[in-house]
Amino acid sequence: MGLFSIDIDAGVAVYQMSKKGVLVDVRTKAEYERGHIPESINIELEHLDKILEKVPDKDTPLFVYCRSGRRSARAKSSLKRAGYRDVTNIGGIVNYHGTLEK
């Protein structure tokens, strides 16, 4: 698991059980279009400031992932600095065993 408190499969399961959670893919648009976890929204790491447009409530649980977990770790830090209180880095999609959507 490395830097992450939970692995991506467990993270998606926790997201699915949450009532108000949002699954955020911080990869590029091209990466997202090649395959992403169902129900996730795509906000590239470089455009993370746009999260407020899609998730205005800073108490919303956010579950953040990328390809390997590095960008999502940076995204978690940025989101916490922006005032989001419940942010979980669930790691990298390369370790995901579920179905992907295109």
Protein backbone atom coordinates (compact mmCIF):
# COMPACT_ATOMS: atom_id res chain seq x y z
CA MET A 1 0.00 0.00 0.00
CA GLY A 2 2.90 2.39 0.46
CA LEU A 3 1.85 6.00 0.94
CA PHE A 4 -1.85 5.22 1.06
CA SER A 5 -4.04 4.42 4.02
CA ILE A 6 -6.21 2.08 1.91
CA ASP A 7 -5.80 0.43 -1.49
CA ILE A 8 -7.84 1.58 -4.48
CA ASP A 9 -10.25 -1.38 -4.45
CA ALA A 10 -11.03 -0.80 -0.77
CA GLY A 11 -11.21 2.95 -1.42
CA VAL A 12 -13.80 2.48 -4.16
CA ALA A 13 -15.80 0.21 -1.83
CA VAL A 14 -15.77 2.89 0.90
CA TYR A 15 -16.78 5.51 -1.70
CA GLN A 16 -19.68 3.30 -2.84
CA MET A 17 -20.91 3.00 0.76
CA SER A 18 -20.71 6.75 1.36
CA LYS A 19 -23.88 8.68 0.76
CA LYS A 20 -22.37 11.98 -0.35
CA GLY A 21 -18.87 11.02 -1.48
CA VAL A 22 -17.33 12.09 -4.78
CA LEU A 23 -14.78 10.00 -6.67
CA VAL A 24 -12.23 12.32 -8.31
CA ASP A 25 -9.83 11.23 -11.06
CA VAL A 26 -6.97 13.76 -11.28
CA ARG A 27 -5.37 12.32 -14.44
CA THR A 28 -5.42 14.12 -17.77
CA LYS A 29 -8.59 14.16 -19.87
CA ALA A 30 -6.96 11.81 -22.39
CA GLU A 31 -6.06 9.30 -19.65
CA TYR A 32 -9.58 9.54 -18.22
CA GLU A 33 -11.16 8.91 -21.63
CA ARG A 34 -9.05 5.75 -22.12
CA GLY A 35 -10.68 4.25 -19.02
CA HIS A 36 -11.86 5.42 -15.62
CA ILE A 37 -13.68 4.12 -12.58
CA PRO A 38 -17.47 4.41 -13.06
CA GLU A 39 -19.10 7.44 -11.39
CA SER A 40 -15.80 9.32 -11.13
CA ILE A 41 -15.45 12.91 -12.21
CA ASN A 42 -12.33 14.12 -13.98
CA ILE A 43 -10.53 17.20 -12.72
CA GLU A 44 -6.92 17.29 -13.86
CA LEU A 45 -4.38 17.95 -11.12
CA GLU A 46 -3.31 21.15 -12.88
CA HIS A 47 -6.93 22.38 -12.83
CA LEU A 48 -7.82 21.25 -9.32
CA ASP A 49 -8.92 24.79 -8.49
CA LYS A 50 -12.08 23.99 -10.52
CA ILE A 51 -13.19 21.48 -7.85
CA LEU A 52 -15.23 24.22 -6.18
CA GLU A 53 -17.47 24.37 -9.28
CA LYS A 54 -18.31 20.66 -9.04
CA VAL A 55 -18.04 20.13 -5.28
CA PRO A 56 -18.87 23.39 -3.46
CA ASP A 57 -19.47 21.75 -0.05
CA LYS A 58 -16.08 21.37 1.59
CA ASP A 59 -17.48 18.75 3.98
CA THR A 60 -18.12 16.37 1.05
CA PRO A 61 -15.99 13.23 1.31
CA LEU A 62 -13.57 13.17 -1.63
CA PHE A 63 -11.90 9.97 -2.85
CA VAL A 64 -9.00 10.91 -5.11
CA TYR A 65 -7.08 8.68 -7.53
CA CYS A 66 -4.71 8.93 -10.49
CA ARG A 67 -2.55 6.44 -12.42
CA SER A 68 -0.03 5.43 -9.76
CA GLY A 69 -0.96 7.43 -6.65
CA ARG A 70 1.57 10.25 -6.90
CA ARG A 71 -0.69 12.89 -8.43
CA SER A 72 -3.52 11.92 -6.11
CA ALA A 73 -1.18 12.39 -3.12
CA ARG A 74 -0.43 15.91 -4.37
CA ALA A 75 -4.14 16.47 -5.03
CA LYS A 76 -5.02 15.43 -1.47
CA SER A 77 -2.56 17.96 -0.07
CA SER A 78 -3.91 20.71 -2.34
CA LEU A 79 -7.52 19.93 -1.48
CA LYS A 80 -6.78 19.94 2.25
CA ARG A 81 -5.07 23.33 1.89
CA ALA A 82 -8.15 24.56 0.00
CA GLY A 83 -10.31 23.67 3.00
CA TYR A 84 -11.77 20.29 2.06
CA ARG A 85 -12.01 18.38 5.32
CA ASP A 86 -12.50 14.76 4.24
CA VAL A 87 -10.06 13.79 1.48
CA THR A 88 -8.80 10.25 0.93
CA ASN A 89 -6.07 9.33 -1.55
CA ILE A 90 -7.12 5.88 -2.74
CA GLY A 91 -4.06 5.45 -4.95
CA GLY A 92 -3.53 4.46 -8.56
CA ILE A 93 -5.88 3.01 -11.13
CA VAL A 94 -3.09 0.66 -12.25
CA ASN A 95 -3.90 -1.38 -9.12
CA TYR A 96 -7.68 -1.32 -9.62
CA HIS A 97 -9.35 -4.68 -10.25
CA GLY A 98 -12.87 -3.49 -11.10
CA THR A 99 -14.50 -2.63 -14.40
CA LEU A 100 -13.44 0.53 -16.21
CA GLU A 101 -15.72 2.83 -18.15
CA LYS A 102 -14.79 4.66 -21.34
